[in-house]
Amino acid sequence: MALVAQCWKRLLAGGGGAAAPPPLLHRLYAARSYSAQYEVKVGIPEFLKGVGNGVDAHAPKLEAEIGDFQKLLVTRTLRLKKLGIPCKHRKLILKYTQKYRLGLWRPRALN
């Protein structure tokens, strides 16, 4: 009961409000607002290099068959399968295209 009374005193005195987020949350907010230094002109090869894990080995095949990066963003798994891309690479490509469409991921500028 004493604890409840003490909490009420703090709230009424104005010391218990949520003025600033805790340090951990503040770091999370700061990390989400960070943007990459360099904007990359994204094409199919740059996108696949950004995905990593050897997916960029399929860049010539995808450029020849799909051609445009915007078409890659809406390509489905069956089309990638018909092009002979292995399951793990298809999964990575589809995962990162979804993240790219939502604005949650961009390939980094490679020097």
PDB file of N, CA and C in Angstrom:
ATOM      1  N   MET A   1       0.824  -1.189   0.000  1.00  0.00           N
ATOM      2  CA  MET A   1       0.000   0.000   0.000  1.00  0.00           C
ATOM      3  C   MET A   1       0.869   1.253   0.000  1.00  0.00           C
ATOM      4  N   ALA A   2       1.958   1.177   0.739  1.00  0.00           N
ATOM      5  CA  ALA A   2       2.856   2.328   0.806  1.00  0.00           C
ATOM      6  C   ALA A   2       3.472   2.608  -0.566  1.00  0.00           C
ATOM      7  N   LEU A   3       3.716   1.543  -1.301  1.00  0.00           N
ATOM      8  CA  LEU A   3       4.288   1.710  -2.633  1.00  0.00           C
ATOM      9  C   LEU A   3       3.322   2.435  -3.564  1.00  0.00           C
ATOM     10  N   VAL A   4       2.034   2.099  -3.475  1.00  0.00           N
ATOM     11  CA  VAL A   4       1.021   2.748  -4.301  1.00  0.00           C
ATOM     12  C   VAL A   4       0.933   4.226  -3.954  1.00  0.00           C
ATOM     13  N   ALA A   5       0.963   4.527  -2.673  1.00  0.00           N
ATOM     14  CA  ALA A   5       0.906   5.924  -2.239  1.00  0.00           C
ATOM     15  C   ALA A   5       2.120   6.696  -2.744  1.00  0.00           C
ATOM     16  N   GLN A   6       3.271   6.050  -2.689  1.00  0.00           N
ATOM     17  CA  GLN A   6       4.492   6.707  -3.155  1.00  0.00           C
ATOM     18  C   GLN A   6       4.414   6.971  -4.669  1.00  0.00           C
ATOM     19  N   CYS A   7       3.873   6.021  -5.419  1.00  0.00           N
ATOM     20  CA  CYS A   7       3.724   6.208  -6.868  1.00  0.00           C
ATOM     21  C   CYS A   7       2.774   7.356  -7.177  1.00  0.00           C
ATOM     22  N   TRP A   8       1.669   7.448  -6.424  1.00  0.00           N
ATOM     23  CA  TRP A   8       0.721   8.539  -6.633  1.00  0.00           C
ATOM     24  C   TRP A   8       1.366   9.885  -6.327  1.00  0.00           C
ATOM     25  N   LYS A   9       2.168   9.933  -5.281  1.00  0.00           N
ATOM     26  CA  LYS A   9       2.860  11.186  -4.940  1.00  0.00           C
ATOM     27  C   LYS A   9       3.770  11.618  -6.094  1.00  0.00           C
ATOM     28  N   ARG A  10       4.498  10.650  -6.656  1.00  0.00           N
ATOM     29  CA  ARG A  10       5.400  10.967  -7.765  1.00  0.00           C
ATOM     30  C   ARG A  10       4.636  11.476  -8.980  1.00  0.00           C
ATOM     31  N   LEU A  11       3.518  10.815  -9.288  1.00  0.00           N
ATOM     32  CA  LEU A  11       2.724  11.237 -10.435  1.00  0.00           C
ATOM     33  C   LEU A  11       2.151  12.628 -10.246  1.00  0.00           C
ATOM     34  N   LEU A  12       1.643  12.901  -9.047  1.00  0.00           N
ATOM     35  CA  LEU A  12       1.059  14.214  -8.782  1.00  0.00           C
ATOM     36  C   LEU A  12       2.114  15.307  -8.747  1.00  0.00           C
ATOM     37  N   ALA A  13       3.309  14.960  -8.326  1.00  0.00           N
ATOM     38  CA  ALA A  13       4.395  15.937  -8.278  1.00  0.00           C
ATOM     39  C   ALA A  13       4.985  16.184  -9.669  1.00  0.00           C
ATOM     40  N   GLY A  14       4.662  15.329 -10.622  1.00  0.00           N
ATOM     41  CA  GLY A  14       5.166  15.522 -11.984  1.00  0.00           C
ATOM     42  C   GLY A  14       6.464  14.802 -12.249  1.00  0.00           C
ATOM     43  N   GLY A  15       6.955  14.032 -11.330  1.00  0.00           N
ATOM     44  CA  GLY A  15       8.232  13.343 -11.525  1.00  0.00           C
ATOM     45  C   GLY A  15       8.092  11.982 -12.158  1.00  0.00           C
ATOM     46  N   GLY A  16       6.880  11.478 -12.331  1.00  0.00           N
ATOM     47  CA  GLY A  16       6.715  10.120 -12.833  1.00  0.00           C
ATOM     48  C   GLY A  16       6.302  10.050 -14.281  1.00  0.00           C
ATOM     49  N   GLY A  17       6.246  11.176 -14.965  1.00  0.00           N
ATOM     50  CA  GLY A  17       5.820  11.169 -16.365  1.00  0.00           C
ATOM     51  C   GLY A  17       6.870  10.559 -17.266  1.00  0.00           C
ATOM     52  N   ALA A  18       6.472  10.217 -18.439  1.00  0.00           N
ATOM     53  CA  ALA A  18       7.406   9.641 -19.409  1.00  0.00           C
ATOM     54  C   ALA A  18       7.954  10.763 -20.284  1.00  0.00           C
ATOM     55  N   ALA A  19       8.909  11.504 -19.755  1.00  0.00           N
ATOM     56  CA  ALA A  19       9.463  12.650 -20.472  1.00  0.00           C
ATOM     57  C   ALA A  19      10.365  12.207 -21.621  1.00  0.00           C
ATOM     58  N   ALA A  20      11.201  11.216 -21.379  1.00  0.00           N
ATOM     59  CA  ALA A  20      12.127  10.754 -22.407  1.00  0.00           C
ATOM     60  C   ALA A  20      12.127   9.233 -22.417  1.00  0.00           C
ATOM     61  N   PRO A  21      12.332   8.636 -23.572  1.00  0.00           N
ATOM     62  CA  PRO A  21      12.374   7.179 -23.608  1.00  0.00           C
ATOM     63  C   PRO A  21      13.608   6.668 -22.876  1.00  0.00           C
ATOM     64  N   PRO A  22      13.549   5.459 -22.359  1.00  0.00           N
ATOM     65  CA  PRO A  22      14.726   4.881 -21.713  1.00  0.00           C
ATOM     66  C   PRO A  22      15.884   4.805 -22.703  1.00  0.00           C
ATOM     67  N   PRO A  23      17.120   4.735 -22.203  1.00  0.00           N
ATOM     68  CA  PRO A  23      18.286   4.762 -23.093  1.00  0.00           C
ATOM     69  C   PRO A  23      18.265   3.681 -24.169  1.00  0.00           C
ATOM     70  N   LEU A  24      17.798   2.477 -23.826  1.00  0.00           N
ATOM     71  CA  LEU A  24      17.776   1.410 -24.818  1.00  0.00           C
ATOM     72  C   LEU A  24      16.827   1.756 -25.959  1.00  0.00           C
ATOM     73  N   LEU A  25      15.640   2.240 -25.638  1.00  0.00           N
ATOM     74  CA  LEU A  25      14.686   2.611 -26.677  1.00  0.00           C
ATOM     75  C   LEU A  25      15.203   3.782 -27.501  1.00  0.00           C
ATOM     76  N   HIS A  26      15.892   4.706 -26.842  1.00  0.00           N
ATOM     77  CA  HIS A  26      16.447   5.850 -27.557  1.00  0.00           C
ATOM     78  C   HIS A  26      17.446   5.373 -28.618  1.00  0.00           C
ATOM     79  N   ARG A  27      18.258   4.375 -28.264  1.00  0.00           N
ATOM     80  CA  ARG A  27      19.216   3.839 -29.231  1.00  0.00           C
ATOM     81  C   ARG A  27      18.505   3.185 -30.407  1.00  0.00           C
ATOM     82  N   LEU A  28      17.408   2.493 -30.121  1.00  0.00           N
ATOM     83  CA  LEU A  28      16.658   1.855 -31.201  1.00  0.00           C
ATOM     84  C   LEU A  28      16.064   2.896 -32.140  1.00  0.00           C
ATOM     85  N   TYR A  29      15.513   3.974 -31.569  1.00  0.00           N
ATOM     86  CA  TYR A  29      14.953   5.031 -32.407  1.00  0.00           C
ATOM     87  C   TYR A  29      16.044   5.664 -33.257  1.00  0.00           C
ATOM     88  N   ALA A  30      17.217   5.880 -32.675  1.00  0.00           N
ATOM     89  CA  ALA A  30      18.316   6.495 -33.409  1.00  0.00           C
ATOM     90  C   ALA A  30      18.786   5.584 -34.540  1.00  0.00           C
ATOM     91  N   ALA A  31      18.806   4.280 -34.302  1.00  0.00           N
ATOM     92  CA  ALA A  31      19.258   3.347 -35.332  1.00  0.00           C
ATOM     93  C   ALA A  31      18.272   3.303 -36.496  1.00  0.00           C
ATOM     94  N   ARG A  32      16.999   3.424 -36.235  1.00  0.00           N
ATOM     95  CA  ARG A  32      16.007   3.361 -37.308  1.00  0.00           C
ATOM     96  C   ARG A  32      16.045   4.612 -38.175  1.00  0.00           C
ATOM     97  N   SER A  33      16.468   5.737 -37.603  1.00  0.00           N
ATOM     98  CA  SER A  33      16.479   6.971 -38.373  1.00  0.00           C
ATOM     99  C   SER A  33      17.772   7.130 -39.176  1.00  0.00           C
ATOM    100  N   TYR A  34      18.742   6.236 -38.972  1.00  0.00           N
ATOM    101  CA  TYR A  34      20.004   6.306 -39.693  1.00  0.00           C
ATOM    102  C   TYR A  34      19.794   5.895 -41.145  1.00  0.00           C
ATOM    103  N   SER A  35      20.383   6.645 -42.051  1.00  0.00           N
ATOM    104  CA  SER A  35      20.305   6.278 -43.463  1.00  0.00           C
ATOM    105  C   SER A  35      21.719   6.107 -44.003  1.00  0.00           C
ATOM    106  N   ALA A  36      21.839   5.372 -45.074  1.00  0.00           N
ATOM    107  CA  ALA A  36      23.145   5.104 -45.664  1.00  0.00           C
ATOM    108  C   ALA A  36      23.759   6.394 -46.185  1.00  0.00           C
ATOM    109  N   GLN A  37      25.086   6.454 -46.168  1.00  0.00           N
ATOM    110  CA  GLN A  37      25.781   7.648 -46.633  1.00  0.00           C
ATOM    111  C   GLN A  37      25.586   7.869 -48.127  1.00  0.00           C
ATOM    112  N   TYR A  38      25.667   6.818 -48.890  1.00  0.00           N
ATOM    113  CA  TYR A  38      25.647   6.954 -50.334  1.00  0.00           C
ATOM    114  C   TYR A  38      24.395   6.301 -50.894  1.00  0.00           C
ATOM    115  N   GLU A  39      23.745   6.998 -51.785  1.00  0.00           N
ATOM    116  CA  GLU A  39      22.618   6.405 -52.492  1.00  0.00           C
ATOM    117  C   GLU A  39      23.173   5.575 -53.645  1.00  0.00           C
ATOM    118  N   VAL A  40      22.656   4.406 -53.808  1.00  0.00           N
ATOM    119  CA  VAL A  40      23.109   3.506 -54.853  1.00  0.00           C
ATOM    120  C   VAL A  40      22.049   3.446 -55.935  1.00  0.00           C
ATOM    121  N   LYS A  41      22.477   3.568 -57.192  1.00  0.00           N
ATOM    122  CA  LYS A  41      21.547   3.332 -58.286  1.00  0.00           C
ATOM    123  C   LYS A  41      21.381   1.826 -58.352  1.00  0.00           C
ATOM    124  N   VAL A  42      20.182   1.372 -58.060  1.00  0.00           N
ATOM    125  CA  VAL A  42      19.967  -0.057 -57.902  1.00  0.00           C
ATOM    126  C   VAL A  42      19.526  -0.676 -59.219  1.00  0.00           C
ATOM    127  N   GLY A  43      20.287  -1.645 -59.640  1.00  0.00           N
ATOM    128  CA  GLY A  43      19.931  -2.488 -60.770  1.00  0.00           C
ATOM    129  C   GLY A  43      19.958  -3.929 -60.281  1.00  0.00           C
ATOM    130  N   ILE A  44      19.733  -4.854 -61.162  1.00  0.00           N
ATOM    131  CA  ILE A  44      19.713  -6.262 -60.754  1.00  0.00           C
ATOM    132  C   ILE A  44      21.064  -6.712 -60.193  1.00  0.00           C
ATOM    133  N   PRO A  45      22.216  -6.402 -60.836  1.00  0.00           N
ATOM    134  CA  PRO A  45      23.497  -6.858 -60.273  1.00  0.00           C
ATOM    135  C   PRO A  45      23.796  -6.252 -58.899  1.00  0.00           C
ATOM    136  N   GLU A  46      23.515  -4.946 -58.726  1.00  0.00           N
ATOM    137  CA  GLU A  46      23.772  -4.296 -57.434  1.00  0.00           C
ATOM    138  C   GLU A  46      22.881  -4.885 -56.342  1.00  0.00           C
ATOM    139  N   PHE A  47      21.641  -5.144 -56.699  1.00  0.00           N
ATOM    140  CA  PHE A  47      20.707  -5.721 -55.736  1.00  0.00           C
ATOM    141  C   PHE A  47      21.174  -7.102 -55.283  1.00  0.00           C
ATOM    142  N   LEU A  48      21.560  -7.948 -56.238  1.00  0.00           N
ATOM    143  CA  LEU A  48      21.973  -9.311 -55.895  1.00  0.00           C
ATOM    144  C   LEU A  48      23.289  -9.330 -55.127  1.00  0.00           C
ATOM    145  N   LYS A  49      24.205  -8.395 -55.427  1.00  0.00           N
ATOM    146  CA  LYS A  49      25.436  -8.296 -54.639  1.00  0.00           C
ATOM    147  C   LYS A  49      25.122  -7.886 -53.214  1.00  0.00           C
ATOM    148  N   GLY A  50      24.135  -7.013 -53.045  1.00  0.00           N
ATOM    149  CA  GLY A  50      23.730  -6.593 -51.707  1.00  0.00           C
ATOM    150  C   GLY A  50      23.105  -7.719 -50.910  1.00  0.00           C
ATOM    151  N   VAL A  51      22.399  -8.613 -51.578  1.00  0.00           N
ATOM    152  CA  VAL A  51      21.799  -9.766 -50.898  1.00  0.00           C
ATOM    153  C   VAL A  51      22.897 -10.686 -50.386  1.00  0.00           C
ATOM    154  N   GLY A  52      23.930 -10.912 -51.193  1.00  0.00           N
ATOM    155  CA  GLY A  52      25.054 -11.743 -50.768  1.00  0.00           C
ATOM    156  C   GLY A  52      24.772 -13.227 -50.898  1.00  0.00           C
ATOM    157  N   ASN A  53      25.564 -14.040 -50.197  1.00  0.00           N
ATOM    158  CA  ASN A  53      25.430 -15.503 -50.157  1.00  0.00           C
ATOM    159  C   ASN A  53      25.495 -16.154 -51.541  1.00  0.00           C
ATOM    160  N   GLY A  54      26.228 -15.564 -52.465  1.00  0.00           N
ATOM    161  CA  GLY A  54      26.401 -16.171 -53.778  1.00  0.00           C
ATOM    162  C   GLY A  54      25.245 -15.977 -54.740  1.00  0.00           C
ATOM    163  N   VAL A  55      24.268 -15.172 -54.346  1.00  0.00           N
ATOM    164  CA  VAL A  55      23.100 -14.944 -55.201  1.00  0.00           C
ATOM    165  C   VAL A  55      23.496 -14.163 -56.449  1.00  0.00           C
ATOM    166  N   ASP A  56      24.552 -13.362 -56.365  1.00  0.00           N
ATOM    167  CA  ASP A  56      24.959 -12.539 -57.504  1.00  0.00           C
ATOM    168  C   ASP A  56      25.475 -13.377 -58.679  1.00  0.00           C
ATOM    169  N   ALA A  57      25.676 -14.672 -58.479  1.00  0.00           N
ATOM    170  CA  ALA A  57      26.084 -15.539 -59.586  1.00  0.00           C
ATOM    171  C   ALA A  57      24.974 -15.655 -60.632  1.00  0.00           C
ATOM    172  N   HIS A  58      23.746 -15.361 -60.251  1.00  0.00           N
ATOM    173  CA  HIS A  58      22.607 -15.466 -61.163  1.00  0.00           C
ATOM    174  C   HIS A  58      22.293 -14.141 -61.864  1.00  0.00           C
ATOM    175  N   ALA A  59      23.098 -13.114 -61.643  1.00  0.00           N
ATOM    176  CA  ALA A  59      22.818 -11.792 -62.209  1.00  0.00           C
ATOM    177  C   ALA A  59      22.717 -11.802 -63.739  1.00  0.00           C
ATOM    178  N   PRO A  60      23.658 -12.422 -64.464  1.00  0.00           N
ATOM    179  CA  PRO A  60      23.529 -12.403 -65.936  1.00  0.00           C
ATOM    180  C   PRO A  60      22.253 -13.085 -66.425  1.00  0.00           C
ATOM    181  N   LYS A  61      21.914 -14.203 -65.792  1.00  0.00           N
ATOM    182  CA  LYS A  61      20.715 -14.946 -66.192  1.00  0.00           C
ATOM    183  C   LYS A  61      19.460 -14.115 -65.940  1.00  0.00           C
ATOM    184  N   LEU A  62      19.388 -13.461 -64.772  1.00  0.00           N
ATOM    185  CA  LEU A  62      18.209 -12.658 -64.439  1.00  0.00           C
ATOM    186  C   LEU A  62      18.113 -11.419 -65.318  1.00  0.00           C
ATOM    187  N   GLU A  63      19.265 -10.808 -65.620  1.00  0.00           N
ATOM    188  CA  GLU A  63      19.236  -9.632 -66.495  1.00  0.00           C
ATOM    189  C   GLU A  63      18.762 -10.000 -67.897  1.00  0.00           C
ATOM    190  N   ALA A  64      19.189 -11.162 -68.382  1.00  0.00           N
ATOM    191  CA  ALA A  64      18.793 -11.578 -69.727  1.00  0.00           C
ATOM    192  C   ALA A  64      17.307 -11.933 -69.791  1.00  0.00           C
ATOM    193  N   GLU A  65      16.803 -12.616 -68.780  1.00  0.00           N
ATOM    194  CA  GLU A  65      15.420 -13.100 -68.816  1.00  0.00           C
ATOM    195  C   GLU A  65      14.412 -12.073 -68.314  1.00  0.00           C
ATOM    196  N   ILE A  66      14.748 -11.393 -67.208  1.00  0.00           N
ATOM    197  CA  ILE A  66      13.805 -10.433 -66.612  1.00  0.00           C
ATOM    198  C   ILE A  66      14.062  -9.040 -67.153  1.00  0.00           C
ATOM    199  N   GLY A  67      15.330  -8.634 -67.187  1.00  0.00           N
ATOM    200  CA  GLY A  67      15.700  -7.378 -67.816  1.00  0.00           C
ATOM    201  C   GLY A  67      15.651  -6.162 -66.921  1.00  0.00           C
ATOM    202  N   ASP A  68      14.549  -5.908 -66.274  1.00  0.00           N
ATOM    203  CA  ASP A  68      14.354  -4.668 -65.531  1.00  0.00           C
ATOM    204  C   ASP A  68      14.273  -4.953 -64.038  1.00  0.00           C
ATOM    205  N   PHE A  69      14.845  -4.066 -63.231  1.00  0.00           N
ATOM    206  CA  PHE A  69      14.819  -4.250 -61.778  1.00  0.00           C
ATOM    207  C   PHE A  69      13.398  -4.198 -61.232  1.00  0.00           C
ATOM    208  N   GLN A  70      12.561  -3.337 -61.784  1.00  0.00           N
ATOM    209  CA  GLN A  70      11.174  -3.249 -61.307  1.00  0.00           C
ATOM    210  C   GLN A  70      10.421  -4.551 -61.565  1.00  0.00           C
ATOM    211  N   LYS A  71      10.749  -5.227 -62.653  1.00  0.00           N
ATOM    212  CA  LYS A  71      10.124  -6.528 -62.926  1.00  0.00           C
ATOM    213  C   LYS A  71      10.616  -7.588 -61.948  1.00  0.00           C
ATOM    214  N   LEU A  72      11.885  -7.471 -61.526  1.00  0.00           N
ATOM    215  CA  LEU A  72      12.410  -8.411 -60.532  1.00  0.00           C
ATOM    216  C   LEU A  72      11.659  -8.275 -59.214  1.00  0.00           C
ATOM    217  N   LEU A  73      11.272  -7.040 -58.881  1.00  0.00           N
ATOM    218  CA  LEU A  73      10.579  -6.813 -57.608  1.00  0.00           C
ATOM    219  C   LEU A  73       9.210  -7.485 -57.554  1.00  0.00           C
ATOM    220  N   VAL A  74       8.601  -7.751 -58.694  1.00  0.00           N
ATOM    221  CA  VAL A  74       7.277  -8.388 -58.705  1.00  0.00           C
ATOM    222  C   VAL A  74       7.326  -9.819 -59.239  1.00  0.00           C
ATOM    223  N   THR A  75       8.530 -10.355 -59.433  1.00  0.00           N
ATOM    224  CA  THR A  75       8.671 -11.721 -59.924  1.00  0.00           C
ATOM    225  C   THR A  75       8.319 -12.711 -58.821  1.00  0.00           C
ATOM    226  N   ARG A  76       7.644 -13.774 -59.207  1.00  0.00           N
ATOM    227  CA  ARG A  76       7.232 -14.809 -58.253  1.00  0.00           C
ATOM    228  C   ARG A  76       8.222 -15.970 -58.258  1.00  0.00           C
ATOM    229  N   THR A  77       8.055 -16.827 -57.263  1.00  0.00           N
ATOM    230  CA  THR A  77       8.991 -17.937 -57.084  1.00  0.00           C
ATOM    231  C   THR A  77       8.960 -18.935 -58.239  1.00  0.00           C
ATOM    232  N   LEU A  78       7.815 -19.148 -58.852  1.00  0.00           N
ATOM    233  CA  LEU A  78       7.729 -20.117 -59.943  1.00  0.00           C
ATOM    234  C   LEU A  78       8.562 -19.677 -61.149  1.00  0.00           C
ATOM    235  N   ARG A  79       8.561 -18.389 -61.421  1.00  0.00           N
ATOM    236  CA  ARG A  79       9.370 -17.889 -62.545  1.00  0.00           C
ATOM    237  C   ARG A  79      10.857 -18.061 -62.246  1.00  0.00           C
ATOM    238  N   LEU A  80      11.257 -17.780 -61.000  1.00  0.00           N
ATOM    239  CA  LEU A  80      12.661 -17.966 -60.632  1.00  0.00           C
ATOM    240  C   LEU A  80      13.037 -19.445 -60.709  1.00  0.00           C
ATOM    241  N   LYS A  81      12.104 -20.310 -60.331  1.00  0.00           N
ATOM    242  CA  LYS A  81      12.360 -21.751 -60.394  1.00  0.00           C
ATOM    243  C   LYS A  81      12.550 -22.200 -61.840  1.00  0.00           C
ATOM    244  N   LYS A  82      11.743 -21.670 -62.747  1.00  0.00           N
ATOM    245  CA  LYS A  82      11.865 -22.026 -64.163  1.00  0.00           C
ATOM    246  C   LYS A  82      13.187 -21.546 -64.758  1.00  0.00           C
ATOM    247  N   LEU A  83      13.766 -20.503 -64.165  1.00  0.00           N
ATOM    248  CA  LEU A  83      15.063 -20.009 -64.629  1.00  0.00           C
ATOM    249  C   LEU A  83      16.218 -20.835 -64.075  1.00  0.00           C
ATOM    250  N   GLY A  84      15.918 -21.793 -63.188  1.00  0.00           N
ATOM    251  CA  GLY A  84      16.954 -22.683 -62.660  1.00  0.00           C
ATOM    252  C   GLY A  84      17.681 -22.141 -61.446  1.00  0.00           C
ATOM    253  N   ILE A  85      17.060 -21.236 -60.707  1.00  0.00           N
ATOM    254  CA  ILE A  85      17.683 -20.680 -59.510  1.00  0.00           C
ATOM    255  C   ILE A  85      17.358 -21.596 -58.330  1.00  0.00           C
ATOM    256  N   PRO A  86      18.373 -22.008 -57.551  1.00  0.00           N
ATOM    257  CA  PRO A  86      18.140 -22.926 -56.431  1.00  0.00           C
ATOM    258  C   PRO A  86      17.201 -22.344 -55.373  1.00  0.00           C
ATOM    259  N   CYS A  87      16.618 -23.235 -54.591  1.00  0.00           N
ATOM    260  CA  CYS A  87      15.590 -22.862 -53.621  1.00  0.00           C
ATOM    261  C   CYS A  87      16.085 -21.816 -52.621  1.00  0.00           C
ATOM    262  N   LYS A  88      17.269 -22.012 -52.049  1.00  0.00           N
ATOM    263  CA  LYS A  88      17.770 -21.072 -51.036  1.00  0.00           C
ATOM    264  C   LYS A  88      17.989 -19.685 -51.630  1.00  0.00           C
ATOM    265  N   HIS A  89      18.469 -19.646 -52.863  1.00  0.00           N
ATOM    266  CA  HIS A  89      18.687 -18.355 -53.511  1.00  0.00           C
ATOM    267  C   HIS A  89      17.361 -17.694 -53.867  1.00  0.00           C
ATOM    268  N   ARG A  90      16.378 -18.488 -54.310  1.00  0.00           N
ATOM    269  CA  ARG A  90      15.043 -17.932 -54.576  1.00  0.00           C
ATOM    270  C   ARG A  90      14.467 -17.320 -53.314  1.00  0.00           C
ATOM    271  N   LYS A  91      14.617 -18.043 -52.220  1.00  0.00           N
ATOM    272  CA  LYS A  91      14.079 -17.573 -50.942  1.00  0.00           C
ATOM    273  C   LYS A  91      14.731 -16.250 -50.536  1.00  0.00           C
ATOM    274  N   LEU A  92      16.050 -16.155 -50.696  1.00  0.00           N
ATOM    275  CA  LEU A  92      16.751 -14.913 -50.358  1.00  0.00           C
ATOM    276  C   LEU A  92      16.318 -13.765 -51.266  1.00  0.00           C
ATOM    277  N   ILE A  93      16.218 -14.034 -52.556  1.00  0.00           N
ATOM    278  CA  ILE A  93      15.818 -12.984 -53.500  1.00  0.00           C
ATOM    279  C   ILE A  93      14.434 -12.465 -53.150  1.00  0.00           C
ATOM    280  N   LEU A  94      13.497 -13.369 -52.899  1.00  0.00           N
ATOM    281  CA  LEU A  94      12.126 -12.956 -52.586  1.00  0.00           C
ATOM    282  C   LEU A  94      12.051 -12.220 -51.248  1.00  0.00           C
ATOM    283  N   LYS A  95      12.838 -12.678 -50.275  1.00  0.00           N
ATOM    284  CA  LYS A  95      12.851 -12.024 -48.960  1.00  0.00           C
ATOM    285  C   LYS A  95      13.340 -10.580 -49.078  1.00  0.00           C
ATOM    286  N   TYR A  96      14.433 -10.394 -49.806  1.00  0.00           N
ATOM    287  CA  TYR A  96      14.997  -9.049 -49.918  1.00  0.00           C
ATOM    288  C   TYR A  96      14.210  -8.153 -50.872  1.00  0.00           C
ATOM    289  N   THR A  97      13.538  -8.716 -51.871  1.00  0.00           N
ATOM    290  CA  THR A  97      12.689  -7.869 -52.712  1.00  0.00           C
ATOM    291  C   THR A  97      11.513  -7.337 -51.905  1.00  0.00           C
ATOM    292  N   GLN A  98      10.967  -8.163 -51.013  1.00  0.00           N
ATOM    293  CA  GLN A  98       9.870  -7.693 -50.155  1.00  0.00           C
ATOM    294  C   GLN A  98      10.353  -6.586 -49.222  1.00  0.00           C
ATOM    295  N   LYS A  99      11.525  -6.780 -48.617  1.00  0.00           N
ATOM    296  CA  LYS A  99      12.083  -5.746 -47.739  1.00  0.00           C
ATOM    297  C   LYS A  99      12.342  -4.457 -48.519  1.00  0.00           C
ATOM    298  N   TYR A 100      12.849  -4.584 -49.750  1.00  0.00           N
ATOM    299  CA  TYR A 100      13.136  -3.411 -50.576  1.00  0.00           C
ATOM    300  C   TYR A 100      11.848  -2.663 -50.909  1.00  0.00           C
ATOM    301  N   ARG A 101      10.795  -3.407 -51.267  1.00  0.00           N
ATOM    302  CA  ARG A 101       9.511  -2.774 -51.600  1.00  0.00           C
ATOM    303  C   ARG A 101       8.938  -2.017 -50.417  1.00  0.00           C
ATOM    304  N   LEU A 102       9.125  -2.555 -49.210  1.00  0.00           N
ATOM    305  CA  LEU A 102       8.602  -1.902 -48.008  1.00  0.00           C
ATOM    306  C   LEU A 102       9.498  -0.764 -47.531  1.00  0.00           C
ATOM    307  N   GLY A 103      10.684  -0.631 -48.118  1.00  0.00           N
ATOM    308  CA  GLY A 103      11.606   0.428 -47.718  1.00  0.00           C
ATOM    309  C   GLY A 103      12.402   0.093 -46.476  1.00  0.00           C
ATOM    310  N   LEU A 104      12.495  -1.183 -46.131  1.00  0.00           N
ATOM    311  CA  LEU A 104      13.213  -1.594 -44.927  1.00  0.00           C
ATOM    312  C   LEU A 104      14.664  -1.959 -45.194  1.00  0.00           C
ATOM    313  N   TRP A 105      15.035  -2.098 -46.454  1.00  0.00           N
ATOM    314  CA  TRP A 105      16.393  -2.520 -46.792  1.00  0.00           C
ATOM    315  C   TRP A 105      16.797  -1.912 -48.119  1.00  0.00           C
ATOM    316  N   ARG A 106      18.058  -1.528 -48.199  1.00  0.00           N
ATOM    317  CA  ARG A 106      18.655  -1.062 -49.456  1.00  0.00           C
ATOM    318  C   ARG A 106      20.056  -1.654 -49.543  1.00  0.00           C
ATOM    319  N   PRO A 107      20.513  -2.002 -50.740  1.00  0.00           N
ATOM    320  CA  PRO A 107      21.893  -2.487 -50.851  1.00  0.00           C
ATOM    321  C   PRO A 107      22.870  -1.364 -50.545  1.00  0.00           C
ATOM    322  N   ARG A 108      23.934  -1.712 -49.860  1.00  0.00           N
ATOM    323  CA  ARG A 108      24.943  -0.708 -49.513  1.00  0.00           C
ATOM    324  C   ARG A 108      25.791  -0.373 -50.726  1.00  0.00           C
ATOM    325  N   ALA A 109      26.379   0.822 -50.684  1.00  0.00           N
ATOM    326  CA  ALA A 109      27.295   1.222 -51.753  1.00  0.00           C
ATOM    327  C   ALA A 109      28.582   0.430 -51.591  1.00  0.00           C
ATOM    328  N   LEU A 110      28.962  -0.280 -52.623  1.00  0.00           N
ATOM    329  CA  LEU A 110      30.183  -1.079 -52.578  1.00  0.00           C
ATOM    330  C   LEU A 110      31.295  -0.310 -53.261  1.00  0.00           C
ATOM    331  N   ASN A 111      32.435  -0.236 -52.585  1.00  0.00           N
ATOM    332  CA  ASN A 111      33.570   0.503 -53.155  1.00  0.00           C
ATOM    333  C   ASN A 111      34.445  -0.409 -53.955  1.00  0.00           C
TER     334      ASN A 111
END
